[in-house]
Protein backbone atom coordinates (compact mmCIF):
# COMPACT_ATOMS: atom_id res chain seq x y z
CA UNK A 1 0.00 0.00 0.00
CA UNK A 2 2.75 2.56 0.72
CA UNK A 3 4.23 2.07 -2.77
CA UNK A 4 0.80 2.48 -4.35
CA UNK A 5 0.22 5.65 -2.35
CA UNK A 6 3.58 7.03 -3.45
CA UNK A 7 2.82 6.23 -7.08
CA UNK A 8 -0.52 8.00 -6.88
CA UNK A 9 1.04 11.05 -5.23
CA UNK A 10 3.95 11.39 -7.66
CA UNK A 11 2.52 10.05 -10.94
CA UNK A 12 -1.23 9.61 -10.62
CA UNK A 13 -3.00 8.61 -13.82
CA UNK A 14 -0.92 9.98 -16.73
CA UNK A 15 -3.00 11.31 -19.62
CA UNK A 16 -3.31 8.83 -22.47
CA UNK A 17 -2.20 5.80 -20.47
CA UNK A 18 -4.51 2.78 -20.29
CA UNK A 19 -6.44 2.56 -17.02
CA UNK A 20 -8.28 -0.39 -15.49
CA UNK A 21 -11.40 1.74 -15.04
CA UNK A 22 -11.59 2.06 -18.83
CA UNK A 23 -11.96 -1.71 -19.09
CA UNK A 24 -14.53 -1.72 -16.30
CA UNK A 25 -16.40 1.07 -18.05
CA UNK A 26 -16.36 -0.76 -21.38
CA UNK A 27 -17.92 -3.83 -19.76
CA UNK A 28 -20.59 -1.70 -18.09
CA UNK A 29 -21.36 0.11 -21.35
CA UNK A 30 -21.74 -3.14 -23.26
CA UNK A 31 -23.89 -4.67 -20.54
CA UNK A 32 -26.06 -1.56 -20.29
CA UNK A 33 -26.71 -1.41 -24.03
CA UNK A 34 -27.63 -5.10 -24.13
CA UNK A 35 -29.91 -4.85 -21.09
CA UNK A 36 -31.77 -1.81 -22.37
CA UNK A 37 -32.38 -3.51 -25.71
CA UNK A 38 -33.45 -6.88 -24.32
CA UNK A 39 -35.31 -5.87 -21.14
CA UNK A 40 -38.42 -3.76 -21.56
CA UNK A 41 -40.14 -4.05 -18.16
CA UNK A 42 -39.07 -2.51 -14.83
CA UNK A 43 -38.73 -5.96 -13.26
CA UNK A 44 -36.55 -7.38 -16.03
CA UNK A 45 -34.38 -4.26 -15.98
CA UNK A 46 -33.89 -4.57 -12.23
CA UNK A 47 -32.84 -8.21 -12.63
CA UNK A 48 -30.48 -7.22 -15.45
CA UNK A 49 -29.10 -4.45 -13.22
CA UNK A 50 -28.32 -6.96 -10.48
CA UNK A 51 -26.53 -9.22 -12.95
CA UNK A 52 -24.61 -6.27 -14.41
CA UNK A 53 -23.42 -5.14 -10.97
CA UNK A 54 -22.49 -8.59 -9.68
CA UNK A 55 -20.70 -9.58 -12.89
CA UNK A 56 -18.78 -6.29 -13.08
CA UNK A 57 -17.58 -6.50 -9.49
CA UNK A 58 -16.72 -10.21 -9.79
CA UNK A 59 -14.75 -9.76 -13.01
CA UNK A 60 -12.87 -6.67 -11.77
CA UNK A 61 -11.99 -8.30 -8.46
CA UNK A 62 -11.18 -11.71 -9.96
CA UNK A 63 -9.01 -10.40 -12.78
CA UNK A 64 -7.00 -8.14 -10.47
CA UNK A 65 -6.45 -11.06 -8.06
CA UNK A 66 -5.35 -13.34 -10.93
CA UNK A 67 -2.91 -10.78 -12.32
CA UNK A 68 -1.21 -10.28 -8.95
CA UNK A 69 -1.21 -14.03 -8.28
CA UNK A 70 0.37 -14.88 -11.64
CA UNK A 71 2.96 -12.10 -11.34
CA UNK A 72 3.90 -13.27 -7.84
CA UNK A 73 4.40 -16.82 -9.08
CA UNK A 74 6.76 -15.56 -11.78
CA UNK A 75 8.73 -13.45 -9.29
CA UNK A 76 7.89 -11.96 -5.88
CA UNK A 77 9.18 -8.56 -6.95
CA UNK A 78 7.00 -8.61 -10.04
CA UNK A 79 4.02 -9.45 -7.86
CA UNK A 80 4.69 -6.46 -5.61
CA UNK A 81 5.10 -4.20 -8.65
CA UNK A 82 1.84 -5.34 -10.24
CA UNK A 83 -0.06 -5.08 -6.97
CA UNK A 84 1.30 -1.57 -6.37
CA UNK A 85 0.43 -0.37 -9.88
CA UNK A 86 -3.07 -1.81 -9.75
CA UNK A 87 -3.75 -0.44 -6.29
CA UNK A 88 -2.43 2.99 -7.26
CA UNK A 89 -4.99 3.07 -10.06
CA UNK A 90 -7.75 2.82 -7.42
CA UNK A 91 -6.58 6.05 -5.73
CA UNK A 92 -7.54 9.40 -7.24
CA UNK A 93 -5.70 11.84 -4.98
CA UNK A 94 -3.42 13.28 -7.66
CA UNK A 95 -6.21 13.24 -10.25
CA UNK A 96 -8.38 15.38 -7.99
CA UNK A 97 -5.57 17.86 -7.40
CA UNK A 98 -4.85 17.99 -11.14
CA UNK A 99 -8.52 18.60 -11.92
CA UNK A 100 -8.64 21.49 -9.47
CA UNK A 101 -5.48 23.04 -10.91
CA UNK A 102 -6.85 22.61 -14.43
CA UNK A 103 -9.77 24.87 -13.57
CA UNK A 104 -8.00 27.24 -11.18
CA UNK A 105 -5.25 28.28 -13.60
CA UNK A 106 -7.53 29.96 -16.16
CA UNK A 107 -9.85 31.22 -13.42
CA UNK A 108 -7.02 32.98 -11.60
CA UNK A 109 -5.77 34.33 -14.94
CA UNK A 110 -9.18 35.90 -15.59
CA UNK A 111 -10.04 33.59 -18.48
CA UNK A 112 -13.59 32.80 -17.38
CA UNK A 113 -14.62 31.06 -20.60
CA UNK A 114 -11.73 28.63 -20.44
CA UNK A 115 -12.33 27.98 -16.74
CA UNK A 116 -15.93 27.06 -17.57
CA UNK A 117 -14.77 24.79 -20.40
CA UNK A 118 -12.28 23.00 -18.17
CA UNK A 119 -14.79 22.64 -15.34
CA UNK A 120 -17.23 20.94 -17.74
CA UNK A 121 -14.82 17.99 -17.90
CA UNK A 122 -15.19 17.27 -14.20
CA UNK A 123 -18.78 18.10 -13.19
CA UNK A 124 -22.24 17.17 -14.43
CA UNK A 125 -23.81 20.60 -13.97
CA UNK A 126 -24.14 23.19 -16.74
CA UNK A 127 -21.13 25.50 -16.69
CA UNK A 128 -21.78 27.97 -19.53
CA UNK A 129 -23.11 30.76 -17.34
CA UNK A 130 -21.35 30.10 -14.04
CA UNK A 131 -19.93 33.13 -12.25
CA UNK A 132 -16.47 32.98 -10.62
CA UNK A 133 -17.93 32.29 -7.13
CA UNK A 134 -20.03 29.47 -8.59
CA UNK A 135 -16.94 28.01 -10.27
CA UNK A 136 -15.06 28.14 -6.97
CA UNK A 137 -17.97 26.34 -5.31
CA UNK A 138 -18.11 23.69 -8.02
CA UNK A 139 -14.40 22.98 -7.67
CA UNK A 140 -14.60 22.63 -3.89
CA UNK A 141 -17.74 20.49 -4.08
CA UNK A 142 -16.01 18.17 -6.54
CA UNK A 143 -12.94 17.86 -4.33
CA UNK A 144 -14.93 17.27 -1.15
CA UNK A 145 -17.44 14.83 -2.63
CA UNK A 146 -14.83 12.71 -4.41
CA UNK A 147 -12.45 12.68 -1.45
CA UNK A 148 -14.36 9.67 -0.12
CA UNK A 149 -15.15 7.52 -3.15
CA UNK A 150 -11.91 8.46 -4.90
CA UNK A 151 -9.41 8.47 -2.03
CA UNK A 152 -10.38 7.23 1.42
CA UNK A 153 -12.95 4.54 0.57
CA UNK A 154 -10.59 2.65 -1.82
CA UNK A 155 -7.91 2.77 0.87
CA UNK A 156 -10.41 1.53 3.46
CA UNK A 157 -11.29 -1.49 1.33
CA UNK A 158 -7.65 -2.11 0.47
CA UNK A 159 -6.98 -2.26 4.21
CA UNK A 160 -9.87 -4.70 4.62
CA UNK A 161 -8.40 -6.90 1.89
CA UNK A 162 -5.00 -6.80 3.53
CA UNK A 163 -6.49 -8.55 6.56
CA UNK A 164 -7.87 -11.42 4.47
CA UNK A 165 -5.36 -14.29 3.97
CA UNK A 166 -4.96 -15.24 0.34
CA UNK A 167 -6.86 -12.20 -0.89
CA UNK A 168 -4.81 -9.07 -0.31
CA UNK A 169 -5.68 -5.41 -0.78
CA UNK A 170 -5.98 -5.27 -4.59
CA UNK A 171 -9.10 -7.43 -5.26
CA UNK A 172 -11.17 -5.79 -2.51
CA UNK A 173 -10.13 -2.29 -3.59
CA UNK A 174 -11.02 -3.20 -7.17
CA UNK A 175 -14.39 -4.55 -6.06
CA UNK A 176 -15.15 -1.17 -4.52
CA UNK A 177 -13.80 0.68 -7.57
CA UNK A 178 -16.09 -1.37 -9.80
CA UNK A 179 -19.08 -0.56 -7.57
CA UNK A 180 -18.20 3.13 -7.65
CA UNK A 181 -17.85 3.09 -11.44
CA UNK A 182 -21.21 1.34 -11.77
CA UNK A 183 -22.84 4.04 -9.66
CA UNK A 184 -21.29 6.84 -11.72
CA UNK A 185 -22.40 5.28 -15.01
CA UNK A 186 -25.84 3.80 -14.32
CA UNK A 187 -26.81 4.79 -10.77
CA UNK A 188 -29.33 7.47 -11.73
CA UNK A 189 -33.00 7.98 -10.93
CA UNK A 190 -33.66 9.35 -14.42
CA UNK A 191 -34.54 7.23 -17.47
CA UNK A 192 -33.22 5.03 -18.95
CA UNK A 193 -31.31 3.99 -15.80
CA UNK A 194 -34.13 4.24 -13.24
CA UNK A 195 -34.59 0.48 -12.88
CA UNK A 196 -31.37 -0.81 -14.41
CA UNK A 197 -29.19 1.20 -12.04
CA UNK A 198 -31.14 0.99 -8.77
CA UNK A 199 -29.10 -1.94 -7.44
CA UNK A 200 -25.76 -0.34 -8.32
CA UNK A 201 -26.76 2.96 -6.71
CA UNK A 202 -27.96 1.33 -3.50
CA UNK A 203 -24.94 -0.98 -3.31
CA UNK A 204 -22.48 1.89 -3.68
CA UNK A 205 -24.34 3.91 -1.06
CA UNK A 206 -24.02 1.06 1.43
CA UNK A 207 -20.39 0.31 0.65
CA UNK A 208 -19.45 3.99 1.05
CA UNK A 209 -21.47 4.67 4.21
CA UNK A 210 -18.90 3.52 6.77
CA UNK A 211 -15.73 4.93 5.15
CA UNK A 212 -17.60 8.21 4.62
CA UNK A 213 -18.45 8.56 8.32
CA UNK A 214 -14.93 7.56 9.30
CA UNK A 215 -13.60 10.19 6.91
CA UNK A 216 -15.81 12.85 8.47
CA UNK A 217 -14.59 11.90 11.94
CA UNK A 218 -10.96 11.87 10.83
CA UNK A 219 -11.22 15.26 9.13
CA UNK A 220 -12.88 16.70 12.21
CA UNK A 221 -10.11 15.33 14.43
CA UNK A 222 -7.38 16.66 12.12
CA UNK A 223 -8.91 20.14 12.24
CA UNK A 224 -9.54 20.00 15.98
CA UNK A 225 -13.24 20.60 15.26
CA UNK A 226 -14.68 17.13 15.74
CA UNK A 227 -17.79 18.18 17.66
CA UNK A 228 -18.50 21.16 15.39
CA UNK A 229 -18.10 19.05 12.24
CA UNK A 230 -20.35 16.25 13.48
CA UNK A 231 -23.06 18.63 14.67
CA UNK A 232 -22.99 20.55 11.38
CA UNK A 233 -23.25 17.34 9.39
CA UNK A 234 -26.18 16.17 11.49
CA UNK A 235 -27.91 19.50 10.91
CA UNK A 236 -27.17 20.01 7.19
CA UNK A 237 -25.94 16.80 5.57
CA UNK A 238 -29.02 14.84 6.57
CA UNK A 239 -31.04 17.09 4.25
CA UNK A 240 -29.08 15.91 1.22
CA UNK A 241 -30.71 13.10 -0.81
CA UNK A 242 -27.36 11.33 -1.02
CA UNK A 243 -26.48 9.44 2.18
CA UNK A 244 -22.77 10.09 1.64
CA UNK A 245 -22.01 13.04 -0.66
CA UNK A 246 -23.74 15.52 1.64
CA UNK A 247 -21.74 14.31 4.65
CA UNK A 248 -18.43 14.55 2.85
CA UNK A 249 -19.11 18.02 1.44
CA UNK A 250 -20.53 19.25 4.73
CA UNK A 251 -17.46 18.15 6.68
CA UNK A 252 -15.19 20.22 4.44
CA UNK A 253 -17.60 23.18 4.54
CA UNK A 254 -17.70 23.11 8.35
CA UNK A 255 -13.93 22.89 8.73
CA UNK A 256 -13.12 25.52 6.10
CA UNK A 257 -15.83 27.95 7.19
CA UNK A 258 -17.55 28.13 3.81
CA UNK A 259 -20.99 27.31 2.44
CA UNK A 260 -21.57 24.64 -0.19
CA UNK A 261 -24.75 23.56 -1.90
CA UNK A 262 -27.41 25.73 -3.50
CA UNK A 263 -28.93 25.71 -6.96
CA UNK A 264 -27.21 23.85 -9.80
CA UNK A 265 -28.46 23.56 -13.37
CA UNK A 266 -28.41 20.25 -15.24
CA UNK A 267 -29.34 20.30 -18.94
CA UNK A 268 -31.17 23.52 -18.40
CA UNK A 269 -33.13 22.31 -15.37
CA UNK A 270 -32.43 24.04 -12.05
CA UNK A 271 -32.08 21.65 -9.12
CA UNK A 272 -31.66 23.01 -5.58
CA UNK A 273 -29.41 21.22 -3.11
CA UNK A 274 -29.32 21.75 0.66
CA UNK A 275 -27.05 24.49 1.96
CA UNK A 276 -24.10 23.01 3.84
CA UNK A 277 -22.06 24.91 6.42
CA UNK A 278 -21.87 28.63 7.19
CA UNK A 279 -20.45 31.32 4.84
CA UNK A 280 -17.83 32.66 7.22
CA UNK A 281 -15.47 33.37 4.32
CA UNK A 282 -15.63 33.17 0.52
CA UNK A 283 -14.26 30.16 -1.34
CA UNK A 284 -10.86 31.04 -2.76
CA UNK A 285 -7.62 29.48 -3.94
CA UNK A 286 -6.46 29.28 -0.33
CA UNK A 287 -9.61 27.40 0.69
CA UNK A 288 -9.25 24.91 -2.18
CA UNK A 289 -5.63 24.24 -1.26
CA UNK A 290 -6.60 23.75 2.39
CA UNK A 291 -9.18 21.20 1.23
CA UNK A 292 -6.59 19.21 -0.74
CA UNK A 293 -4.28 19.25 2.28
CA UNK A 294 -7.07 17.94 4.50
CA UNK A 295 -7.65 15.06 2.10
CA UNK A 296 -3.94 14.27 1.94
CA UNK A 297 -3.59 14.32 5.72
CA UNK A 298 -6.60 12.04 6.16
CA UNK A 299 -5.22 9.62 3.57
CA UNK A 300 -1.79 9.49 5.22
CA UNK A 301 -3.28 8.84 8.65
CA UNK A 302 -5.39 6.01 7.28
CA UNK A 303 -2.39 4.63 5.38
CA UNK A 304 -0.31 4.56 8.56
CA UNK A 305 -3.10 2.76 10.40
CA UNK A 306 -3.55 0.25 7.57
CA UNK A 307 0.17 -0.52 7.38
CA UNK A 308 0.39 -0.87 11.15
CA UNK A 309 -2.58 -3.22 11.15
CA UNK A 310 -1.10 -5.31 8.37
CA UNK A 311 2.23 -5.60 10.23
CA UNK A 312 0.46 -6.52 13.46
CA UNK A 313 -1.55 -9.26 11.76
CA UNK A 314 1.52 -10.64 9.99
CA UNK A 315 3.70 -10.68 13.11
CA UNK A 316 2.40 -13.95 14.61
CA UNK A 317 3.01 -15.70 11.31
CA UNK A 318 6.69 -14.79 11.12
């Protein structure tokens, strides 16, 4: 895990390089197209959605386990290298920082049109008419929401896998990554995914629930604001329709003293979201950088705990 974390921090996901999520996404796309063509009733689409989710997670987890296993049989060092590379692909810490920088550079330079264009690559909301404060909010919401499913939750499940003899961190982290990818591709209430994606959406919500709450607690402890963060999340985050995104965003808002949420527009339709936190200061470059540092600190603390746990469990066997 430490090697994977170092790879993510220093290299991340280089542009143009093949990524395991692309293969997972291709399988989901093919399965979705087939299901929507063959299944015409809500019940049949729900059954197809269950099969799509289970098969995606099983294939992603099984293939990653087989690759590491085969590489380890060829040479222990090759096994460690493959496991580290695969696990690094499950972490999105550097990708999140790169996305923020990609939008902040033109925004700080006063090129509002380019900042909107770059932001469109990372968010689902309409960006054509966003003002600078709305762009700042979108960037921070993206960082804070994806801190869990892109950074801490994969590490949490990698740590769980590390405690399972014969399994290891990679297959369990990949199982979660597959579930997260399913949710992002088909886990919508809107047609045509309403019935096909219900299982994937609910599964991802449940898998993310515990690491999300642990992340909120860790962030609060890091900032020395544990009680304030928890009380703010109980007040504001519970109003969000998502059982996890609102908690993650609200924790960052409470710690940083900013307000997130409000009205976003999707395909021309305005959708209000609950207001999270208090607007004690405006969102700025400094706030965004503080948010990335919070995520990094949380990740490093969890990494240290995971490594310590793995060493402790391995000690009696040596």
